C-alpha atoms as a PDB file:
ATOM      1  CA  UNK A   1     116.466-115.965-122.964  1.00  0.00           C
ATOM      2  CA  UNK A   2     113.954-117.456-120.943  1.00  0.00           C
ATOM      3  CA  UNK A   3     112.616-116.204-118.074  1.00  0.00           C
ATOM      4  CA  UNK A   4     113.410-118.547-114.570  1.00  0.00           C
ATOM      5  CA  UNK A   5     111.724-116.267-112.586  1.00  0.00           C
ATOM      6  CA  UNK A   6     109.553-113.310-112.348  1.00  0.00           C
ATOM      7  CA  UNK A   7     108.079-110.803-110.049  1.00  0.00           C
ATOM      8  CA  UNK A   8     106.845-107.409-108.645  1.00  0.00           C
ATOM      9  CA  UNK A   9     107.073-104.635-106.083  1.00  0.00           C
ATOM     10  CA  UNK A  10     103.796-105.078-103.850  1.00  0.00           C
ATOM     11  CA  UNK A  11     104.457-101.870-101.892  1.00  0.00           C
ATOM     12  CA  UNK A  12     104.879-101.747 -98.004  1.00  0.00           C
ATOM     13  CA  UNK A  13     108.489-103.271 -98.611  1.00  0.00           C
ATOM     14  CA  UNK A  14     107.257-106.179 -99.435  1.00  0.00           C
ATOM     15  CA  UNK A  15     107.919-108.014-103.095  1.00  0.00           C
ATOM     16  CA  UNK A  16     106.939-111.293-104.413  1.00  0.00           C
ATOM     17  CA  UNK A  17     108.706-113.859-107.145  1.00  0.00           C
ATOM     18  CA  UNK A  18     106.958-116.024-108.668  1.00  0.00           C
ATOM     19  CA  UNK A  19     108.958-119.669-110.158  1.00  0.00           C
ATOM     20  CA  UNK A  20     108.129-119.647-113.706  1.00  0.00           C
ATOM     21  CA  UNK A  21     108.274-123.458-114.546  1.00  0.00           C
ATOM     22  CA  UNK A  22     105.838-124.372-111.250  1.00  0.00           C
ATOM     23  CA  UNK A  23     104.014-121.230-110.725  1.00  0.00           C
ATOM     24  CA  UNK A  24     104.710-120.833-106.840  1.00  0.00           C
ATOM     25  CA  UNK A  25     105.599-117.963-105.856  1.00  0.00           C
ATOM     26  CA  UNK A  26     107.306-116.733-102.300  1.00  0.00           C
ATOM     27  CA  UNK A  27     107.485-113.272-101.017  1.00  0.00           C
ATOM     28  CA  UNK A  28     110.445-111.452 -99.091  1.00  0.00           C
ATOM     29  CA  UNK A  29     109.975-108.373 -97.205  1.00  0.00           C
ATOM     30  CA  UNK A  30     112.477-105.706 -95.150  1.00  0.00           C
ATOM     31  CA  UNK A  31     112.822-105.281 -91.807  1.00  0.00           C
ATOM     32  CA  UNK A  32     110.073-102.555 -90.830  1.00  0.00           C
ATOM     33  CA  UNK A  33     109.625-100.667 -87.014  1.00  0.00           C
ATOM     34  CA  UNK A  34     106.650-100.337 -86.117  1.00  0.00           C
ATOM     35  CA  UNK A  35     105.648 -99.023 -82.209  1.00  0.00           C
ATOM     36  CA  UNK A  36     108.964 -99.896 -81.810  1.00  0.00           C
ATOM     37  CA  UNK A  37     109.049-102.978 -82.606  1.00  0.00           C
ATOM     38  CA  UNK A  38     110.684-104.745 -85.547  1.00  0.00           C
ATOM     39  CA  UNK A  39     109.385-107.399 -87.501  1.00  0.00           C
ATOM     40  CA  UNK A  40     109.407-108.577 -91.168  1.00  0.00           C
ATOM     41  CA  UNK A  41     106.252-109.966 -93.116  1.00  0.00           C
ATOM     42  CA  UNK A  42     108.202-112.537 -94.648  1.00  0.00           C
ATOM     43  CA  UNK A  43     111.755-114.098 -95.577  1.00  0.00           C
ATOM     44  CA  UNK A  44     114.002-110.854 -95.841  1.00  0.00           C
ATOM     45  CA  UNK A  45     116.580-110.701 -98.978  1.00  0.00           C
ATOM     46  CA  UNK A  46     119.489-111.763 -96.614  1.00  0.00           C
ATOM     47  CA  UNK A  47     117.824-114.706 -95.367  1.00  0.00           C
ATOM     48  CA  UNK A  48     116.828-115.856 -98.855  1.00  0.00           C
ATOM     49  CA  UNK A  49     120.712-115.627 -99.526  1.00  0.00           C
ATOM     50  CA  UNK A  50     121.228-117.461 -96.508  1.00  0.00           C
ATOM     51  CA  UNK A  51     118.248-119.823 -96.798  1.00  0.00           C
ATOM     52  CA  UNK A  52     119.813-120.362-100.953  1.00  0.00           C
ATOM     53  CA  UNK A  53     123.051-120.948 -99.692  1.00  0.00           C
ATOM     54  CA  UNK A  54     122.071-123.926 -97.129  1.00  0.00           C
ATOM     55  CA  UNK A  55     119.983-125.094 -99.614  1.00  0.00           C
ATOM     56  CA  UNK A  56     122.125-125.917-101.981  1.00  0.00           C
ATOM     57  CA  UNK A  57     124.922-127.424 -99.983  1.00  0.00           C
ATOM     58  CA  UNK A  58     122.295-130.228 -98.910  1.00  0.00           C
ATOM     59  CA  UNK A  59     121.592-130.546-102.808  1.00  0.00           C
ATOM     60  CA  UNK A  60     124.285-130.786-103.495  1.00  0.00           C
ATOM     61  CA  UNK A  61     125.561-133.553-100.845  1.00  0.00           C
ATOM     62  CA  UNK A  62     122.253-135.279-101.873  1.00  0.00           C
ATOM     63  CA  UNK A  63     123.879-135.599-105.840  1.00  0.00           C
ATOM     64  CA  UNK A  64     126.726-137.220-103.875  1.00  0.00           C
ATOM     65  CA  UNK A  65     124.746-139.641-101.967  1.00  0.00           C
ATOM     66  CA  UNK A  66     122.634-140.356-104.433  1.00  0.00           C
ATOM     67  CA  UNK A  67     125.876-141.255-106.713  1.00  0.00           C
ATOM     68  CA  UNK A  68     127.574-143.553-103.890  1.00  0.00           C
ATOM     69  CA  UNK A  69     124.321-145.360-102.495  1.00  0.00           C
ATOM     70  CA  UNK A  70     123.508-143.278 -99.435  1.00  0.00           C
ATOM     71  CA  UNK A  71     120.053-141.383 -97.481  1.00  0.00           C
ATOM     72  CA  UNK A  72     120.594-138.001 -96.163  1.00  0.00           C
ATOM     73  CA  UNK A  73     116.873-137.938 -96.051  1.00  0.00           C
ATOM     74  CA  UNK A  74     116.008-135.913 -93.300  1.00  0.00           C
ATOM     75  CA  UNK A  75     118.783-133.946 -93.125  1.00  0.00           C
ATOM     76  CA  UNK A  76     117.440-130.395 -91.515  1.00  0.00           C
ATOM     77  CA  UNK A  77     119.523-126.821 -91.899  1.00  0.00           C
ATOM     78  CA  UNK A  78     119.358-123.564 -89.728  1.00  0.00           C
ATOM     79  CA  UNK A  79     120.679-120.571 -91.605  1.00  0.00           C
ATOM     80  CA  UNK A  80     121.842-117.331 -90.161  1.00  0.00           C
ATOM     81  CA  UNK A  81     123.034-114.299 -92.445  1.00  0.00           C
ATOM     82  CA  UNK A  82     124.927-110.748 -90.432  1.00  0.00           C
ATOM     83  CA  UNK A  83     124.437-107.927 -91.947  1.00  0.00           C
ATOM     84  CA  UNK A  84     126.995-105.077 -91.634  1.00  0.00           C
ATOM     85  CA  UNK A  85     126.205-102.215 -89.671  1.00  0.00           C
ATOM     86  CA  UNK A  86     128.527 -99.247 -91.806  1.00  0.00           C
ATOM     87  CA  UNK A  87     128.031 -98.534 -95.262  1.00  0.00           C
ATOM     88  CA  UNK A  88     127.311-100.452 -97.916  1.00  0.00           C
ATOM     89  CA  UNK A  89     124.921-102.604 -96.317  1.00  0.00           C
ATOM     90  CA  UNK A  90     125.764-106.045 -97.324  1.00  0.00           C
ATOM     91  CA  UNK A  91     125.940-109.742 -95.536  1.00  0.00           C
ATOM     92  CA  UNK A  92     129.515-110.026 -93.869  1.00  0.00           C
ATOM     93  CA  UNK A  93     128.380-113.178 -92.502  1.00  0.00           C
ATOM     94  CA  UNK A  94     126.572-116.447 -93.367  1.00  0.00           C
ATOM     95  CA  UNK A  95     126.325-119.541 -90.352  1.00  0.00           C
ATOM     96  CA  UNK A  96     124.524-122.581 -91.362  1.00  0.00           C
ATOM     97  CA  UNK A  97     124.072-125.528 -88.876  1.00  0.00           C
ATOM     98  CA  UNK A  98     122.950-129.186 -90.873  1.00  0.00           C
ATOM     99  CA  UNK A  99     121.969-131.566 -88.899  1.00  0.00           C
ATOM    100  CA  UNK A 100     122.070-134.722 -90.141  1.00  0.00           C
ATOM    101  CA  UNK A 101     119.657-137.772 -88.903  1.00  0.00           C
ATOM    102  CA  UNK A 102     121.382-141.106 -87.455  1.00  0.00           C
ATOM    103  CA  UNK A 103     121.573-143.422 -90.810  1.00  0.00           C
ATOM    104  CA  UNK A 104     125.427-144.867 -89.923  1.00  0.00           C
ATOM    105  CA  UNK A 105     127.873-142.850 -91.961  1.00  0.00           C
ATOM    106  CA  UNK A 106     131.135-143.339 -91.774  1.00  0.00           C
ATOM    107  CA  UNK A 107     134.032-140.989 -91.488  1.00  0.00           C
ATOM    108  CA  UNK A 108     134.576-141.331 -94.781  1.00  0.00           C
ATOM    109  CA  UNK A 109     131.052-140.752 -95.504  1.00  0.00           C
ATOM    110  CA  UNK A 110     130.634-137.970 -93.508  1.00  0.00           C
ATOM    111  CA  UNK A 111     133.880-136.367 -94.925  1.00  0.00           C
ATOM    112  CA  UNK A 112     133.107-136.438 -98.323  1.00  0.00           C
ATOM    113  CA  UNK A 113     129.219-135.250 -97.969  1.00  0.00           C
ATOM    114  CA  UNK A 114     131.023-131.838 -96.095  1.00  0.00           C
ATOM    115  CA  UNK A 115     133.458-131.493 -99.338  1.00  0.00           C
ATOM    116  CA  UNK A 116     130.568-131.398-101.430  1.00  0.00           C
ATOM    117  CA  UNK A 117     128.659-128.982 -99.330  1.00  0.00           C
ATOM    118  CA  UNK A 118     131.404-126.897 -99.472  1.00  0.00           C
ATOM    119  CA  UNK A 119     131.581-126.754-103.708  1.00  0.00           C
ATOM    120  CA  UNK A 120     127.767-126.120-104.454  1.00  0.00           C
ATOM    121  CA  UNK A 121     127.236-123.360-106.990  1.00  0.00           C
ATOM    122  CA  UNK A 122     126.330-120.995-104.345  1.00  0.00           C
ATOM    123  CA  UNK A 123     128.566-121.163-102.169  1.00  0.00           C
ATOM    124  CA  UNK A 124     131.415-120.694-105.682  1.00  0.00           C
ATOM    125  CA  UNK A 125     129.453-117.775-106.112  1.00  0.00           C
ATOM    126  CA  UNK A 126     129.263-115.788-102.999  1.00  0.00           C
ATOM    127  CA  UNK A 127     131.848-112.794-102.745  1.00  0.00           C
ATOM    128  CA  UNK A 128     134.904-113.852-100.660  1.00  0.00           C
ATOM    129  CA  UNK A 129     134.299-111.125 -97.973  1.00  0.00           C
ATOM    130  CA  UNK A 130     131.496-113.089 -97.122  1.00  0.00           C
ATOM    131  CA  UNK A 131     132.228-115.603 -94.472  1.00  0.00           C
ATOM    132  CA  UNK A 132     131.106-118.821 -95.001  1.00  0.00           C
ATOM    133  CA  UNK A 133     130.184-120.831 -91.558  1.00  0.00           C
ATOM    134  CA  UNK A 134     129.103-124.111 -91.831  1.00  0.00           C
ATOM    135  CA  UNK A 135     129.014-126.501 -89.033  1.00  0.00           C
ATOM    136  CA  UNK A 136     128.035-130.465 -89.807  1.00  0.00           C
ATOM    137  CA  UNK A 137     125.989-132.104 -86.623  1.00  0.00           C
ATOM    138  CA  UNK A 138     125.778-135.627 -87.135  1.00  0.00           C
ATOM    139  CA  UNK A 139     123.410-137.514 -85.391  1.00  0.00           C
ATOM    140  CA  UNK A 140     125.288-140.575 -82.738  1.00  0.00           C
END
Protein backbone atom coordinates (compact mmCIF):
# COMPACT_ATOMS: atom_id res chain seq x y z
CA UNK A 1 0.00 0.00 0.00
CA UNK A 2 1.30 3.43 -0.91
CA UNK A 3 0.66 6.03 1.80
CA UNK A 4 -1.21 9.14 0.66
CA UNK A 5 -1.39 10.92 4.01
CA UNK A 6 0.54 10.46 7.24
CA UNK A 7 0.15 12.23 10.54
CA UNK A 8 0.83 12.48 14.22
CA UNK A 9 -0.81 13.59 17.44
CA UNK A 10 0.82 16.77 18.73
CA UNK A 11 -0.80 16.82 22.16
CA UNK A 12 -3.20 19.41 23.58
CA UNK A 13 -6.03 18.03 21.38
CA UNK A 14 -4.19 18.85 18.15
CA UNK A 15 -3.20 16.52 15.29
CA UNK A 16 -1.21 17.11 12.11
CA UNK A 17 -1.62 15.47 8.71
CA UNK A 18 0.96 15.52 5.94
CA UNK A 19 0.20 14.99 2.26
CA UNK A 20 3.04 12.69 1.24
CA UNK A 21 3.22 13.67 -2.45
CA UNK A 22 3.43 17.44 -1.86
CA UNK A 23 4.62 17.76 1.71
CA UNK A 24 1.72 20.09 2.52
CA UNK A 25 0.51 19.92 6.13
CA UNK A 26 -2.73 20.73 7.89
CA UNK A 27 -3.75 20.81 11.51
CA UNK A 28 -6.92 19.57 13.12
CA UNK A 29 -8.02 20.18 16.67
CA UNK A 30 -10.97 19.76 18.94
CA UNK A 31 -13.00 22.51 20.47
CA UNK A 32 -11.39 23.46 23.75
CA UNK A 33 -13.11 25.20 26.65
CA UNK A 34 -10.78 27.48 28.54
CA UNK A 35 -11.80 30.23 30.92
CA UNK A 36 -15.42 29.91 29.82
CA UNK A 37 -14.56 30.36 26.13
CA UNK A 38 -14.83 27.64 23.50
CA UNK A 39 -12.14 27.87 20.86
CA UNK A 40 -10.39 25.64 18.37
CA UNK A 41 -6.75 25.83 17.35
CA UNK A 42 -7.57 24.74 13.82
CA UNK A 43 -10.17 22.95 11.71
CA UNK A 44 -12.09 20.36 13.69
CA UNK A 45 -12.42 16.94 12.07
CA UNK A 46 -16.11 17.69 11.43
CA UNK A 47 -15.19 20.96 9.70
CA UNK A 48 -12.66 19.08 7.58
CA UNK A 49 -15.39 16.62 6.59
CA UNK A 50 -17.73 19.46 5.60
CA UNK A 51 -14.90 21.15 3.70
CA UNK A 52 -14.07 17.88 1.95
CA UNK A 53 -17.68 17.57 0.77
CA UNK A 54 -17.74 21.17 -0.52
CA UNK A 55 -14.36 20.92 -2.25
CA UNK A 56 -15.19 17.53 -3.78
CA UNK A 57 -18.46 18.96 -5.14
CA UNK A 58 -16.58 21.91 -6.66
CA UNK A 59 -13.89 19.68 -8.17
CA UNK A 60 -16.52 17.34 -9.65
CA UNK A 61 -18.29 20.38 -11.11
CA UNK A 62 -14.90 21.49 -12.41
CA UNK A 63 -14.53 18.22 -14.35
CA UNK A 64 -17.96 18.78 -15.89
CA UNK A 65 -17.17 22.44 -16.59
CA UNK A 66 -13.85 21.62 -18.27
CA UNK A 67 -15.51 19.01 -20.49
CA UNK A 68 -18.24 21.47 -21.53
CA UNK A 69 -16.12 24.59 -21.95
CA UNK A 70 -17.59 26.31 -18.88
CA UNK A 71 -15.59 28.32 -16.37
CA UNK A 72 -16.45 28.04 -12.68
CA UNK A 73 -13.21 29.70 -11.52
CA UNK A 74 -13.94 31.96 -8.58
CA UNK A 75 -16.75 29.82 -7.19
CA UNK A 76 -16.64 29.95 -3.38
CA UNK A 77 -18.14 27.85 -0.64
CA UNK A 78 -19.32 28.06 2.94
CA UNK A 79 -19.70 24.81 4.88
CA UNK A 80 -21.12 24.04 8.32
CA UNK A 81 -21.34 20.66 10.03
CA UNK A 82 -23.96 20.06 12.72
CA UNK A 83 -23.09 17.60 15.47
CA UNK A 84 -25.46 15.43 17.47
CA UNK A 85 -26.23 16.26 21.09
CA UNK A 86 -26.65 12.61 22.03
CA UNK A 87 -24.38 9.59 22.02
CA UNK A 88 -22.65 8.52 19.90
CA UNK A 89 -21.36 11.98 19.01
CA UNK A 90 -21.50 12.29 15.21
CA UNK A 91 -22.17 14.60 12.29
CA UNK A 92 -25.90 14.72 11.63
CA UNK A 93 -26.00 17.39 8.94
CA UNK A 94 -23.66 19.22 6.57
CA UNK A 95 -24.84 22.47 5.02
CA UNK A 96 -22.99 23.91 2.05
CA UNK A 97 -23.52 27.11 0.07
CA UNK A 98 -21.82 27.26 -3.33
CA UNK A 99 -21.54 30.81 -4.66
CA UNK A 100 -20.98 31.18 -8.39
CA UNK A 101 -19.65 34.28 -10.16
CA UNK A 102 -21.66 35.77 -13.00
CA UNK A 103 -20.36 33.95 -16.07
CA UNK A 104 -23.53 33.76 -18.14
CA UNK A 105 -24.52 30.21 -17.18
CA UNK A 106 -27.66 28.97 -18.92
CA UNK A 107 -30.39 27.14 -17.04
CA UNK A 108 -29.10 23.92 -18.61
CA UNK A 109 -25.55 24.68 -17.40
CA UNK A 110 -26.81 25.32 -13.88
CA UNK A 111 -28.86 22.11 -13.78
CA UNK A 112 -25.95 20.06 -15.07
CA UNK A 113 -23.46 21.59 -12.63
CA UNK A 114 -25.85 21.06 -9.71
CA UNK A 115 -26.29 17.44 -10.76
CA UNK A 116 -22.50 17.01 -10.93
CA UNK A 117 -22.07 18.39 -7.41
CA UNK A 118 -24.50 15.82 -6.03
CA UNK A 119 -22.62 12.83 -7.44
CA UNK A 120 -19.16 13.69 -6.12
CA UNK A 121 -17.32 10.81 -4.41
CA UNK A 122 -17.56 12.33 -0.91
CA UNK A 123 -21.32 12.90 -1.29
CA UNK A 124 -21.66 9.25 -2.32
CA UNK A 125 -19.43 8.03 0.54
CA UNK A 126 -21.07 9.74 3.51
CA UNK A 127 -23.55 7.71 5.54
CA UNK A 128 -27.14 8.28 4.36
CA UNK A 129 -28.13 9.36 7.90
CA UNK A 130 -26.02 12.50 7.42
CA UNK A 131 -28.32 15.11 5.92
CA UNK A 132 -26.56 16.95 3.09
CA UNK A 133 -27.98 20.35 2.21
CA UNK A 134 -26.38 22.05 -0.78
CA UNK A 135 -27.51 25.54 -1.76
CA UNK A 136 -26.47 26.90 -5.15
CA UNK A 137 -26.24 30.70 -5.34
CA UNK A 138 -26.00 31.83 -8.95
CA UNK A 139 -24.86 35.44 -9.48
CA UNK A 140 -27.22 37.47 -11.58
